[in-house]
């Protein structure tokens, strides 16, 4: 079937130095103009809002997101009222509660949130995070029995539990169980006291994009409402729930939830809480990560999150959770520095796997495979998900990466928009090709016997055959062209009004035509970052920076010092130093100037 003509290329760039086509991000011109006129916003901001599907009536809530306007009634989530009532009973009866979490950022944040919230209400609370290699993901019967033996009469599973039917049976007759999860449920939920999950098949809340920490926060809101109705807070001060929003923001960003609707409010308000540095563990992470200014979604996703994740991937599974619970600044600093060391070790392990994975994936790509499935003996299972994401980015194909030990491959996959990898993995498991497997559209986890790799690869290729028609690099969506003299701090601050940026609200990318790099050098300990200054043909000078640029065609283009004009693409950000604001282009791509441009 004829797909129709290709969209117009921005500045004629059909293939950049990284192999990408630059295309316009569509925005309804009438809506953009109406937003600008009726709200007295600059035309550029109106255009950016329209491109994100923001209607005129929703502009205020988008630019100034508040929980008062956007947080739904927790009761819209199935089983929430049951969960809140059981939690309230635990508070009234001074029960011992155990919080069972996961080893990723969302698990650590939702675990810390529940532990803090319940301790503030007087409960005795313990916590448990399974070891990735020894115990795998989610609750296991042995751990559940151990928690019961230690006196827990209520177990709260956060960011896990939706598929743990057999493991949770171990608590029957010993402790009640509440599950606060967000992973997809394939069928009936576990038979426990309450299962709150916006992605359970019979939940009609419409809140499928909440992370587990957001679900846990809403459970705490519902719990406080029950206690308030019972008059509990007439006898004692009500703990400030909003002070836990820094944990919700961190989890929402790191679990790549869309920053729209209530998520946008949770992150925007959570960043304000984080800036106050009220939690010693979070403050220590910010210090170790050298985040000196107001934290942003970028700080959460690229500075704090990787350090918390590193512990669960290759070290102590609960180190991140313990840091988030720590209230002693000295102890928190020591733990944060340890996480920083662990993260550097994780980067080394990742680099070892990445090189081999890239080589194998490139051979499959050149052979015309629609899906890339690579594995290696001894590849650390804690980094295969990160590596799969990098392989997917490099080749614009669904990518699955697995580490092999004793004939069993344990892996993780990442997909591209429009292709449901999770459904394909579930189908492969149901077909008997996998020992275990599940996930969602963009990510999945699985394990298989090595002798079945070729059969599994063929199955995934058949299910995701459309990936073979994709170009070798994803199109780069551009939202406007800006001449160098016009790339000012004022413009950068206008763009900044749309923050926080992330999934569902990507940071705008602008093209700067015919710019010359007049100076460029490498900075940073490893020399992975390029700092440059660019000039336009009509004048003007702008600072630029490019990360993850140790090698490759983009780094070569910026460092060439040829003085030949080229088109640059990147995000225009406002940088603050000593009360002064300047503009900086964060370069993501470059292109040779085509004839006529």
Protein backbone atom coordinates (compact mmCIF):
# COMPACT_ATOMS: atom_id res chain seq x y z
CA UNK A 1 0.00 0.00 0.00
CA UNK A 2 1.31 3.46 -0.89
CA UNK A 3 2.16 5.33 2.30
CA UNK A 4 2.01 8.68 0.53
CA UNK A 5 4.75 11.28 0.10
CA UNK A 6 7.33 11.78 2.83
CA UNK A 7 6.91 14.92 4.95
CA UNK A 8 9.02 17.94 4.08
CA UNK A 9 12.52 17.71 5.52
CA UNK A 10 13.57 20.56 7.80
CA UNK A 11 16.23 22.67 6.04
CA UNK A 12 16.39 19.95 3.42
CA UNK A 13 18.09 17.50 5.81
CA UNK A 14 17.16 14.03 4.59
CA UNK A 15 20.15 12.42 6.25
CA UNK A 16 22.13 14.07 9.05
CA UNK A 17 25.61 13.08 10.21
CA UNK A 18 23.93 10.51 12.50
CA UNK A 19 21.76 9.20 9.67
CA UNK A 20 18.52 10.86 10.71
CA UNK A 21 15.93 12.76 8.71
CA UNK A 22 14.82 16.06 10.25
CA UNK A 23 11.05 16.47 10.10
CA UNK A 24 8.63 19.03 11.48
CA UNK A 25 6.61 18.22 14.55
CA UNK A 26 3.05 18.95 13.52
CA UNK A 27 1.04 21.61 15.32
CA UNK A 28 -2.35 23.01 14.45
CA UNK A 29 -1.67 26.59 13.38
CA UNK A 30 -5.14 27.87 14.35
CA UNK A 31 -4.92 26.39 17.84
CA UNK A 32 -1.43 27.80 18.28
CA UNK A 33 -2.56 31.28 17.31
CA UNK A 34 -5.68 31.09 19.47
CA UNK A 35 -3.61 30.05 22.50
CA UNK A 36 -1.20 32.93 21.98
CA UNK A 37 -3.96 35.50 21.52
CA UNK A 38 -6.34 34.44 24.29
CA UNK A 39 -3.69 33.77 26.95
CA UNK A 40 -1.31 36.58 26.05
CA UNK A 41 1.53 34.11 25.54
CA UNK A 42 4.31 34.44 22.96
CA UNK A 43 3.47 32.87 19.62
CA UNK A 44 6.29 30.34 20.04
CA UNK A 45 4.85 29.07 23.33
CA UNK A 46 1.41 28.80 21.70
CA UNK A 47 2.91 26.74 18.90
CA UNK A 48 4.74 24.42 21.30
CA UNK A 49 1.59 23.90 23.38
CA UNK A 50 -0.51 23.15 20.30
CA UNK A 51 2.06 20.57 19.15
CA UNK A 52 1.56 18.80 22.47
CA UNK A 53 -2.19 18.63 22.06
CA UNK A 54 -2.90 21.20 24.75
CA UNK A 55 -6.24 22.89 24.18
CA UNK A 56 -6.99 26.50 25.05
CA UNK A 57 -8.90 25.56 28.21
CA UNK A 58 -6.03 23.38 29.45
CA UNK A 59 -3.21 25.90 29.06
CA UNK A 60 -3.22 27.09 32.69
CA UNK A 61 -3.16 23.57 34.13
CA UNK A 62 -0.33 22.65 31.76
CA UNK A 63 1.87 25.64 32.52
CA UNK A 64 1.00 25.78 36.22
CA UNK A 65 0.09 22.18 37.16
CA UNK A 66 -1.33 21.78 40.68
CA UNK A 67 -2.55 18.75 42.59
CA UNK A 68 -5.66 20.66 43.59
CA UNK A 69 -6.68 20.82 39.93
CA UNK A 70 -5.27 17.56 38.60
CA UNK A 71 -5.16 14.93 41.37
CA UNK A 72 -8.14 12.59 40.96
CA UNK A 73 -10.13 11.12 43.85
CA UNK A 74 -8.12 8.05 44.93
CA UNK A 75 -11.38 6.10 45.16
CA UNK A 76 -11.57 5.91 41.37
CA UNK A 77 -8.91 3.19 41.60
CA UNK A 78 -10.44 -0.24 42.16
CA UNK A 79 -9.84 -1.63 45.66
CA UNK A 80 -8.46 1.70 46.91
CA UNK A 81 -11.13 2.17 49.57
CA UNK A 82 -10.54 -1.40 50.79
CA UNK A 83 -6.80 -0.79 50.94
CA UNK A 84 -7.22 2.51 52.78
CA UNK A 85 -9.53 0.93 55.35
CA UNK A 86 -7.06 -1.92 56.00
CA UNK A 87 -4.15 0.50 56.32
CA UNK A 88 -6.19 2.63 58.73
CA UNK A 89 -6.86 -0.47 60.82
CA UNK A 90 -3.13 -1.13 60.98
CA UNK A 91 -2.56 2.42 62.22
CA UNK A 92 -5.30 2.19 64.87
CA UNK A 93 -4.10 -1.19 66.15
CA UNK A 94 -0.39 -0.33 66.11
CA UNK A 95 0.33 -3.28 63.83
CA UNK A 96 3.70 -4.32 62.50
CA UNK A 97 3.74 -3.68 58.75
CA UNK A 98 6.24 -4.97 56.20
CA UNK A 99 6.78 -3.14 52.90
CA UNK A 100 7.98 -5.43 50.09
CA UNK A 101 9.49 -3.49 47.20
CA UNK A 102 11.44 -3.75 43.97
CA UNK A 103 15.09 -2.94 43.32
CA UNK A 104 14.60 -0.20 40.69
CA UNK A 105 14.00 3.53 41.27
CA UNK A 106 10.20 3.24 41.30
CA UNK A 107 10.44 0.35 43.76
CA UNK A 108 12.87 2.21 46.02
CA UNK A 109 10.80 5.41 45.94
CA UNK A 110 7.44 3.75 46.50
CA UNK A 111 8.96 1.63 49.27
CA UNK A 112 10.50 4.64 51.00
CA UNK A 113 7.26 6.58 50.63
CA UNK A 114 5.13 3.85 52.27
CA UNK A 115 7.64 3.24 55.06
CA UNK A 116 7.87 6.95 55.86
CA UNK A 117 4.11 7.53 55.66
CA UNK A 118 3.27 4.61 57.95
CA UNK A 119 6.03 5.37 60.45
CA UNK A 120 4.79 8.95 60.68
CA UNK A 121 1.43 7.51 61.71
CA UNK A 122 2.97 5.37 64.45
CA UNK A 123 3.28 1.97 62.78
CA UNK A 124 6.27 -0.29 63.25
CA UNK A 125 7.48 -0.81 59.70
CA UNK A 126 10.15 -3.03 58.17
CA UNK A 127 11.13 -3.25 54.51
CA UNK A 128 12.38 -5.94 52.16
CA UNK A 129 13.86 -5.82 48.65
CA UNK A 130 14.69 -9.11 46.88
CA UNK A 131 18.14 -9.75 45.43
CA UNK A 132 18.01 -9.54 41.64
CA UNK A 133 20.22 -12.59 41.03
CA UNK A 134 19.37 -14.79 44.01
CA UNK A 135 15.61 -14.17 44.25
CA UNK A 136 14.54 -12.56 40.99
CA UNK A 137 11.79 -9.99 40.60
CA UNK A 138 8.82 -9.69 42.95
CA UNK A 139 7.62 -11.53 46.04
CA UNK A 140 8.74 -15.08 46.75
CA UNK A 141 7.22 -17.46 49.26
CA UNK A 142 10.34 -17.74 51.42
CA UNK A 143 10.64 -13.98 51.85
CA UNK A 144 6.93 -13.60 52.59
CA UNK A 145 7.09 -16.30 55.28
CA UNK A 146 10.15 -14.61 56.80
CA UNK A 147 8.30 -11.30 57.09
CA UNK A 148 5.39 -13.05 58.79
CA UNK A 149 7.76 -14.80 61.21
CA UNK A 150 9.20 -11.40 62.11
CA UNK A 151 5.78 -10.28 63.27
CA UNK A 152 4.24 -8.55 60.27
CA UNK A 153 0.44 -8.76 60.25
CA UNK A 154 0.16 -6.64 57.12
CA UNK A 155 2.42 -6.83 54.07
CA UNK A 156 2.28 -4.03 51.50
CA UNK A 157 3.79 -4.92 48.12
CA UNK A 158 4.86 -1.85 46.13
CA UNK A 159 5.84 -1.88 42.45
CA UNK A 160 5.38 -5.65 42.38
CA UNK A 161 2.90 -8.37 43.34
CA UNK A 162 0.34 -8.24 40.55
CA UNK A 163 1.50 -11.64 39.21
CA UNK A 164 2.71 -13.17 42.50
CA UNK A 165 -0.30 -15.41 43.14
CA UNK A 166 1.59 -18.40 44.56
CA UNK A 167 4.15 -16.42 46.55
CA UNK A 168 1.49 -14.33 48.30
CA UNK A 169 -0.37 -17.48 49.33
CA UNK A 170 2.45 -17.98 51.84
CA UNK A 171 0.94 -15.16 53.92
CA UNK A 172 -2.53 -16.71 54.14
CA UNK A 173 -3.62 -17.05 57.77
CA UNK A 174 -0.55 -15.16 58.97
CA UNK A 175 -0.80 -11.66 57.49
CA UNK A 176 -3.02 -9.64 55.19
CA UNK A 177 -1.53 -8.43 51.91
CA UNK A 178 -2.11 -5.21 49.98
CA UNK A 179 -0.65 -4.87 46.49
CA UNK A 180 0.12 -1.38 45.16
CA UNK A 181 1.40 -1.98 41.64
CA UNK A 182 1.18 -0.61 38.11
CA UNK A 183 2.45 -3.46 35.92
CA UNK A 184 0.07 -5.06 33.45
CA UNK A 185 -2.10 -7.88 34.76
CA UNK A 186 -2.70 -10.72 32.31
CA UNK A 187 -5.68 -12.20 34.14
CA UNK A 188 -7.24 -12.44 37.63
CA UNK A 189 -5.42 -10.57 40.39
CA UNK A 190 -4.04 -12.33 43.50
CA UNK A 191 -6.58 -13.25 46.15
CA UNK A 192 -5.42 -10.85 48.86
CA UNK A 193 -6.97 -8.09 50.95
CA UNK A 194 -6.65 -5.44 48.21
CA UNK A 195 -4.99 -5.02 44.83
CA UNK A 196 -4.69 -1.39 43.72
CA UNK A 197 -3.36 -1.24 40.18
CA UNK A 198 -4.61 1.09 37.44
CA UNK A 199 -3.55 -1.57 34.92
CA UNK A 200 -5.59 -4.43 36.33
CA UNK A 201 -8.09 -5.48 33.71
CA UNK A 202 -11.17 -4.50 35.75
CA UNK A 203 -9.95 -1.03 36.81
CA UNK A 204 -11.73 1.76 34.95
CA UNK A 205 -9.90 4.69 36.55
CA UNK A 206 -8.22 5.78 33.32
CA UNK A 207 -4.98 6.25 35.26
CA UNK A 208 -2.91 3.64 33.44
CA UNK A 209 0.13 5.91 33.24
CA UNK A 210 0.77 6.15 36.98
CA UNK A 211 3.98 4.68 38.35
CA UNK A 212 3.92 2.62 41.54
CA UNK A 213 5.08 5.52 43.72
CA UNK A 214 2.15 7.60 42.46
CA UNK A 215 -0.22 4.74 43.29
CA UNK A 216 1.35 4.53 46.76
CA UNK A 217 0.99 8.29 47.24
CA UNK A 218 -2.69 8.11 46.33
CA UNK A 219 -3.09 5.25 48.79
CA UNK A 220 -1.61 7.49 51.48
CA UNK A 221 -4.01 10.28 50.51
CA UNK A 222 -6.91 7.83 50.86
CA UNK A 223 -5.53 6.56 54.19
CA UNK A 224 -5.26 10.08 55.59
CA UNK A 225 -8.82 10.77 54.48
CA UNK A 226 -10.08 7.75 56.44
CA UNK A 227 -8.13 8.76 59.54
CA UNK A 228 -9.33 12.35 59.21
CA UNK A 229 -12.95 11.19 59.09
CA UNK A 230 -12.36 9.07 62.17
CA UNK A 231 -11.05 12.12 64.06
CA UNK A 232 -7.53 10.77 64.45
CA UNK A 233 -5.97 14.08 63.47
CA UNK A 234 -7.97 15.91 66.12
CA UNK A 235 -5.79 14.17 68.68
CA UNK A 236 -2.49 14.39 66.80
CA UNK A 237 -0.97 16.49 64.05
CA UNK A 238 -1.52 15.23 60.53
CA UNK A 239 1.83 14.43 58.86
CA UNK A 240 2.51 16.53 55.73
CA UNK A 241 2.02 14.12 52.84
CA UNK A 242 3.13 16.69 50.28
CA UNK A 243 6.67 16.44 51.67
CA UNK A 244 6.85 12.96 50.09
CA UNK A 245 6.32 14.27 46.57
CA UNK A 246 10.05 14.40 45.84
CA UNK A 247 9.98 10.57 45.90
CA UNK A 248 6.96 10.47 43.58
CA UNK A 249 8.60 12.86 41.14
CA UNK A 250 11.83 10.84 41.07
CA UNK A 251 9.96 7.59 40.40
CA UNK A 252 7.66 9.08 37.77
CA UNK A 253 10.55 10.45 35.72
CA UNK A 254 12.80 7.40 36.08
CA UNK A 255 10.02 4.97 35.19
CA UNK A 256 9.48 7.05 32.02
CA UNK A 257 5.84 7.83 32.73
CA UNK A 258 4.18 10.45 30.47
CA UNK A 259 4.53 13.91 32.01
CA UNK A 260 0.94 14.85 31.29
CA UNK A 261 -2.14 15.20 33.47
CA UNK A 262 -1.67 14.29 37.12
CA UNK A 263 1.89 13.06 36.49
CA UNK A 264 2.81 16.55 35.39
CA UNK A 265 1.50 17.99 38.66
CA UNK A 266 3.21 15.29 40.73
CA UNK A 267 6.59 16.00 39.12
CA UNK A 268 6.26 19.80 39.08
CA UNK A 269 5.32 19.93 42.76
CA UNK A 270 7.79 17.19 43.66
CA UNK A 271 10.66 19.17 42.17
CA UNK A 272 9.73 22.10 44.42
CA UNK A 273 9.83 19.78 47.44
CA UNK A 274 13.18 18.35 46.33
CA UNK A 275 14.65 21.84 45.97
CA UNK A 276 14.05 22.35 49.71
CA UNK A 277 16.29 19.30 50.37
CA UNK A 278 14.19 18.11 53.29
CA UNK A 279 15.20 14.46 52.89
CA UNK A 280 18.84 13.88 53.78
CA UNK A 281 19.20 10.97 51.36
CA UNK A 282 17.89 12.91 48.39
CA UNK A 283 20.00 15.94 49.33
CA UNK A 284 23.12 13.74 49.50
CA UNK A 285 22.38 12.30 46.06
CA UNK A 286 22.01 15.81 44.66
CA UNK A 287 25.35 16.81 46.19
CA UNK A 288 27.20 13.72 44.95
CA UNK A 289 25.67 14.24 41.50
CA UNK A 290 26.83 17.90 41.55
CA UNK A 291 23.29 19.22 41.11
CA UNK A 292 23.74 22.68 42.59
CA UNK A 293 20.88 24.51 40.91
CA UNK A 294 17.14 23.87 41.11
CA UNK A 295 16.69 20.16 40.27
CA UNK A 296 14.96 19.38 37.00
CA UNK A 297 13.43 16.29 35.44
CA UNK A 298 16.76 15.86 33.67
CA UNK A 299 18.53 15.78 37.08
CA UNK A 300 16.18 13.04 38.22
CA UNK A 301 16.46 10.91 35.11
CA UNK A 302 20.19 11.23 34.42
CA UNK A 303 21.81 11.99 37.78
CA UNK A 304 19.81 10.60 40.69
CA UNK A 305 18.04 7.69 39.03
CA UNK A 306 21.08 5.86 37.62
CA UNK A 307 22.80 5.91 41.01
CA UNK A 308 19.81 4.38 42.79
CA UNK A 309 19.35 1.84 40.01
CA UNK A 310 22.99 0.82 40.11
CA UNK A 311 22.69 -0.76 43.56
CA UNK A 312 19.78 -2.95 42.52
CA UNK A 313 21.55 -3.95 39.32
CA UNK A 314 24.93 -5.03 40.62
CA UNK A 315 25.16 -4.48 44.40
CA UNK A 316 22.97 -4.44 47.52
CA UNK A 317 19.36 -4.42 46.34
CA UNK A 318 18.04 -2.22 49.16
CA UNK A 319 20.86 0.34 49.31
CA UNK A 320 18.84 2.90 47.33
CA UNK A 321 15.80 2.40 49.56
CA UNK A 322 17.88 2.75 52.72
CA UNK A 323 19.39 5.97 51.42
CA UNK A 324 15.94 7.42 50.70
CA UNK A 325 14.93 6.54 54.27
CA UNK A 326 18.07 7.97 55.86
CA UNK A 327 17.65 11.14 57.96
CA UNK A 328 21.26 11.50 59.12
CA UNK A 329 23.18 13.83 56.72
CA UNK A 330 26.57 12.28 57.51
CA UNK A 331 25.34 8.71 57.03
CA UNK A 332 23.39 9.75 53.94
CA UNK A 333 26.49 11.30 52.38
CA UNK A 334 28.46 8.09 52.94
CA UNK A 335 25.71 6.01 51.36
CA UNK A 336 25.36 8.38 48.40
CA UNK A 337 29.11 8.25 47.78
CA UNK A 338 28.95 4.47 47.89
CA UNK A 339 26.14 4.53 45.33
CA UNK A 340 28.27 6.80 43.18
CA UNK A 341 31.10 4.23 43.26
CA UNK A 342 28.66 1.43 42.48
CA UNK A 343 27.29 3.44 39.56
CA UNK A 344 30.76 3.87 38.10
CA UNK A 345 31.29 0.12 38.40
CA UNK A 346 27.95 -0.40 36.68
CA UNK A 347 29.10 1.86 33.85
CA UNK A 348 32.24 -0.24 33.44
CA UNK A 349 30.25 -3.48 33.35
CA UNK A 350 27.80 -1.90 30.92
CA UNK A 351 30.61 -0.75 28.62
CA UNK A 352 32.02 -4.27 28.46
CA UNK A 353 28.68 -5.73 27.44
CA UNK A 354 27.79 -2.85 25.12
CA UNK A 355 30.72 -3.30 22.77
CA UNK A 356 30.01 -6.99 22.19
CA UNK A 357 26.26 -6.38 21.92
CA UNK A 358 26.74 -3.62 19.34
CA UNK A 359 28.94 -5.85 17.19
CA UNK A 360 26.45 -8.72 17.19
CA UNK A 361 23.47 -6.38 16.67
CA UNK A 362 25.18 -4.65 13.74
CA UNK A 363 25.68 -8.00 11.99
CA UNK A 364 21.98 -8.81 12.44
CA UNK A 365 20.95 -5.35 11.25
CA UNK A 366 23.05 -5.65 8.12
CA UNK A 367 21.49 -9.09 7.50
CA UNK A 368 18.08 -7.42 7.42
CA UNK A 369 16.62 -8.56 10.74
CA UNK A 370 13.53 -6.67 11.94
CA UNK A 371 14.25 -7.51 15.59
CA UNK A 372 17.72 -7.64 17.15
CA UNK A 373 18.21 -10.47 19.68
CA UNK A 374 21.73 -10.79 21.07
CA UNK A 375 23.16 -12.73 24.00
CA UNK A 376 26.50 -13.47 25.59
CA UNK A 377 27.98 -15.78 28.17
CA UNK A 378 28.52 -13.96 31.44
CA UNK A 379 26.82 -10.73 30.42
CA UNK A 380 25.61 -9.22 33.69
CA UNK A 381 21.78 -9.41 33.87
CA UNK A 382 21.76 -6.12 35.78
CA UNK A 383 22.83 -4.10 32.74
CA UNK A 384 21.11 -5.89 29.84
CA UNK A 385 18.12 -3.52 29.97
CA UNK A 386 20.33 -0.44 29.62
CA UNK A 387 22.26 -2.09 26.80
CA UNK A 388 19.02 -3.06 25.03
CA UNK A 389 17.98 0.58 25.14
CA UNK A 390 21.27 1.69 23.61
CA UNK A 391 21.03 -0.96 20.85
CA UNK A 392 17.47 0.14 20.10
CA UNK A 393 18.58 3.78 19.85
CA UNK A 394 21.51 2.97 17.58
CA UNK A 395 19.63 0.81 15.05
CA UNK A 396 16.00 1.97 15.47
CA UNK A 397 14.84 -1.63 15.89
CA UNK A 398 13.24 -3.53 18.79
CA UNK A 399 16.24 -4.89 20.70
CA UNK A 400 16.53 -7.79 23.15
CA UNK A 401 19.74 -8.41 25.09
CA UNK A 402 20.38 -11.40 27.36
CA UNK A 403 23.12 -12.69 29.62
CA UNK A 404 23.76 -16.44 29.61
CA UNK A 405 24.66 -18.64 32.58
CA UNK A 406 24.35 -22.43 32.82
CA UNK A 407 22.40 -22.65 29.59
CA UNK A 408 19.75 -20.12 30.65
CA UNK A 409 19.55 -16.67 29.07
CA UNK A 410 18.01 -13.89 31.15
CA UNK A 411 17.34 -10.71 29.27
CA UNK A 412 15.50 -7.49 28.71
CA UNK A 413 14.08 -5.80 25.64
CA UNK A 414 13.25 -2.29 24.49
CA UNK A 415 10.96 -1.38 21.62
CA UNK A 416 10.27 1.52 19.28
CA UNK A 417 6.98 3.49 19.19
CA UNK A 418 4.10 1.63 17.58
CA UNK A 419 5.42 -1.90 18.16
CA UNK A 420 4.24 -3.76 21.28
CA UNK A 421 7.22 -5.80 22.47
CA UNK A 422 5.52 -6.83 25.71
CA UNK A 423 2.65 -8.48 23.85
CA UNK A 424 5.12 -10.33 21.61
CA UNK A 425 7.10 -11.59 24.62
CA UNK A 426 3.95 -12.74 26.39
CA UNK A 427 2.89 -14.57 23.21
CA UNK A 428 6.33 -16.22 23.03
CA UNK A 429 5.98 -17.41 26.60
CA UNK A 430 2.51 -18.76 25.92
CA UNK A 431 3.94 -20.56 22.88
CA UNK A 432 6.46 -22.31 25.12
CA UNK A 433 9.53 -20.51 23.78
CA UNK A 434 10.30 -18.74 27.06
CA UNK A 435 10.79 -19.93 30.61
CA UNK A 436 9.35 -16.63 31.79
CA UNK A 437 8.41 -13.34 30.21
CA UNK A 438 6.22 -10.27 30.38
CA UNK A 439 6.23 -6.52 30.01
CA UNK A 440 4.52 -3.65 28.27
CA UNK A 441 4.63 -2.04 24.84
CA UNK A 442 8.04 -0.43 25.16
CA UNK A 443 9.89 -2.83 27.48
CA UNK A 444 9.92 -6.47 28.48
CA UNK A 445 11.84 -9.02 30.53
CA UNK A 446 12.28 -12.69 29.69
CA UNK A 447 14.34 -15.86 30.09
CA UNK A 448 14.89 -18.75 27.69
CA UNK A 449 17.01 -21.86 27.17
CA UNK A 450 19.90 -21.01 24.86
CA UNK A 451 19.03 -23.82 22.49
CA UNK A 452 15.81 -22.01 21.60
CA UNK A 453 17.31 -18.63 20.72
CA UNK A 454 17.00 -19.02 16.94
CA UNK A 455 13.39 -20.18 17.26
CA UNK A 456 12.58 -17.31 19.61
CA UNK A 457 14.23 -14.80 17.29
CA UNK A 458 12.16 -16.02 14.33
CA UNK A 459 8.97 -15.84 16.42
CA UNK A 460 9.63 -12.23 17.50
CA UNK A 461 10.53 -11.26 13.93
CA UNK A 462 7.21 -12.60 12.69
CA UNK A 463 5.25 -10.79 15.40
CA UNK A 464 7.13 -7.51 14.90
CA UNK A 465 7.79 -7.73 11.16
CA UNK A 466 6.84 -4.07 10.57
CA UNK A 467 10.07 -3.05 12.26
CA UNK A 468 11.92 -4.18 9.15
CA UNK A 469 10.44 -1.27 7.23
CA UNK A 470 11.82 1.34 9.63
CA UNK A 471 14.76 3.53 8.62
CA UNK A 472 18.09 2.86 10.27
CA UNK A 473 17.70 5.91 12.49
CA UNK A 474 14.54 7.45 13.91
CA UNK A 475 13.37 10.77 12.50
CA UNK A 476 14.30 13.81 14.56
CA UNK A 477 11.25 15.96 15.32
CA UNK A 478 12.03 19.66 15.02
CA UNK A 479 9.74 22.38 16.37
CA UNK A 480 11.24 25.47 14.79
CA UNK A 481 14.26 27.10 13.22
CA UNK A 482 16.14 29.80 15.12
CA UNK A 483 18.96 32.01 13.87
CA UNK A 484 21.93 32.21 16.20
CA UNK A 485 21.31 35.90 17.15
CA UNK A 486 17.71 34.99 18.11
CA UNK A 487 18.78 32.09 20.36
CA UNK A 488 18.73 34.28 23.45
CA UNK A 489 18.25 33.66 27.15
CA UNK A 490 14.80 35.26 26.84
CA UNK A 491 13.79 32.67 24.24
CA UNK A 492 15.25 29.87 26.35
CA UNK A 493 13.22 31.00 29.34
CA UNK A 494 10.04 31.04 27.24
CA UNK A 495 10.70 27.42 26.26
CA UNK A 496 11.44 26.60 29.89
CA UNK A 497 7.84 27.43 30.79
CA UNK A 498 6.79 24.08 29.33
CA UNK A 499 8.97 22.11 31.76
CA UNK A 500 9.11 19.55 33.31
CA UNK A 501 10.15 17.72 30.15
CA UNK A 502 10.14 13.99 29.61
CA UNK A 503 8.06 11.22 28.11
CA UNK A 504 4.83 12.64 26.69
CA UNK A 505 6.23 16.18 26.87
CA UNK A 506 9.55 15.98 25.07
CA UNK A 507 11.85 18.96 25.30
CA UNK A 508 11.53 21.03 22.10
CA UNK A 509 14.28 20.66 19.52
CA UNK A 510 15.23 23.62 17.34
CA UNK A 511 17.32 23.79 14.19
CA UNK A 512 19.95 26.51 13.85
CA UNK A 513 20.71 27.01 10.16
CA UNK A 514 24.16 27.65 8.74
CA UNK A 515 26.02 27.90 12.05
CA UNK A 516 29.81 27.84 12.30
CA UNK A 517 31.67 26.17 15.16
CA UNK A 518 34.37 28.68 16.01
CA UNK A 519 35.75 26.82 19.02
CA UNK A 520 35.31 23.31 20.37
CA UNK A 521 37.13 21.25 22.98
CA UNK A 522 36.58 18.22 25.16
CA UNK A 523 35.73 18.62 28.84
CA UNK A 524 35.07 16.30 31.75
CA UNK A 525 37.16 13.56 33.34
CA UNK A 526 36.65 11.09 30.50
CA UNK A 527 36.47 13.66 27.72
CA UNK A 528 32.99 12.45 26.77
CA UNK A 529 31.58 15.98 26.56
CA UNK A 530 32.26 18.59 23.89
CA UNK A 531 31.95 22.29 24.72
CA UNK A 532 31.75 24.66 21.78
CA UNK A 533 30.90 28.17 20.68
CA UNK A 534 28.99 28.81 17.47
CA UNK A 535 28.35 31.86 15.33
CA UNK A 536 25.69 32.57 12.77
CA UNK A 537 26.19 34.03 9.31
CA UNK A 538 24.25 37.11 10.36
CA UNK A 539 26.20 37.45 13.60
CA UNK A 540 25.56 36.37 17.14
CA UNK A 541 27.46 33.95 19.33
CA UNK A 542 26.08 31.04 21.35
CA UNK A 543 27.52 28.51 23.76
CA UNK A 544 26.87 24.86 22.86
CA UNK A 545 27.47 21.53 24.57
CA UNK A 546 27.22 17.93 23.43
CA UNK A 547 27.12 14.96 25.83
CA UNK A 548 27.97 11.29 25.16
CA UNK A 549 30.31 12.47 22.42
CA UNK A 550 33.48 10.46 23.02
CA UNK A 551 33.35 9.23 19.44
CA UNK A 552 31.08 9.10 16.42
CA UNK A 553 30.14 11.33 13.48
CA UNK A 554 28.53 14.07 15.57
CA UNK A 555 31.67 14.48 17.67
CA UNK A 556 33.78 14.54 14.50
CA UNK A 557 31.56 17.23 12.96
CA UNK A 558 31.80 19.50 16.01
CA UNK A 559 35.56 19.06 16.39
CA UNK A 560 36.45 19.38 12.70
CA UNK A 561 37.32 23.10 13.03
CA UNK A 562 36.78 23.47 9.29
CA UNK A 563 34.77 26.65 9.70
CA UNK A 564 32.30 25.40 7.10
CA UNK A 565 28.67 26.31 7.97
CA UNK A 566 26.44 23.43 9.03
CA UNK A 567 22.93 23.02 10.36
CA UNK A 568 22.74 22.18 14.06
CA UNK A 569 19.85 20.72 16.06
CA UNK A 570 19.38 20.74 19.79
CA UNK A 571 17.54 21.93 22.87
CA UNK A 572 17.85 25.58 23.84
CA UNK A 573 18.22 25.82 27.61
CA UNK A 574 18.53 28.67 30.08
CA UNK A 575 21.58 28.36 32.32
CA UNK A 576 21.93 30.29 35.58
CA UNK A 577 25.13 31.34 37.29
CA UNK A 578 25.54 34.07 39.92
CA UNK A 579 22.06 35.44 39.20
CA UNK A 580 22.83 35.72 35.48
CA UNK A 581 20.92 33.77 32.84
CA UNK A 582 22.47 32.72 29.52
CA UNK A 583 21.38 30.49 26.66
CA UNK A 584 23.07 27.23 25.72
CA UNK A 585 22.36 24.85 22.85
CA UNK A 586 22.49 21.18 23.86
CA UNK A 587 23.45 19.68 20.51
CA UNK A 588 21.78 16.40 19.46
CA UNK A 589 22.55 16.36 15.73
CA UNK A 590 24.28 18.16 12.85
CA UNK A 591 24.02 18.12 9.08
CA UNK A 592 25.96 19.25 6.06
CA UNK A 593 24.17 22.20 4.46
CA UNK A 594 22.29 20.86 1.39
CA UNK A 595 22.41 22.91 -1.83
CA UNK A 596 19.95 25.79 -1.67
CA UNK A 597 19.91 25.97 2.11
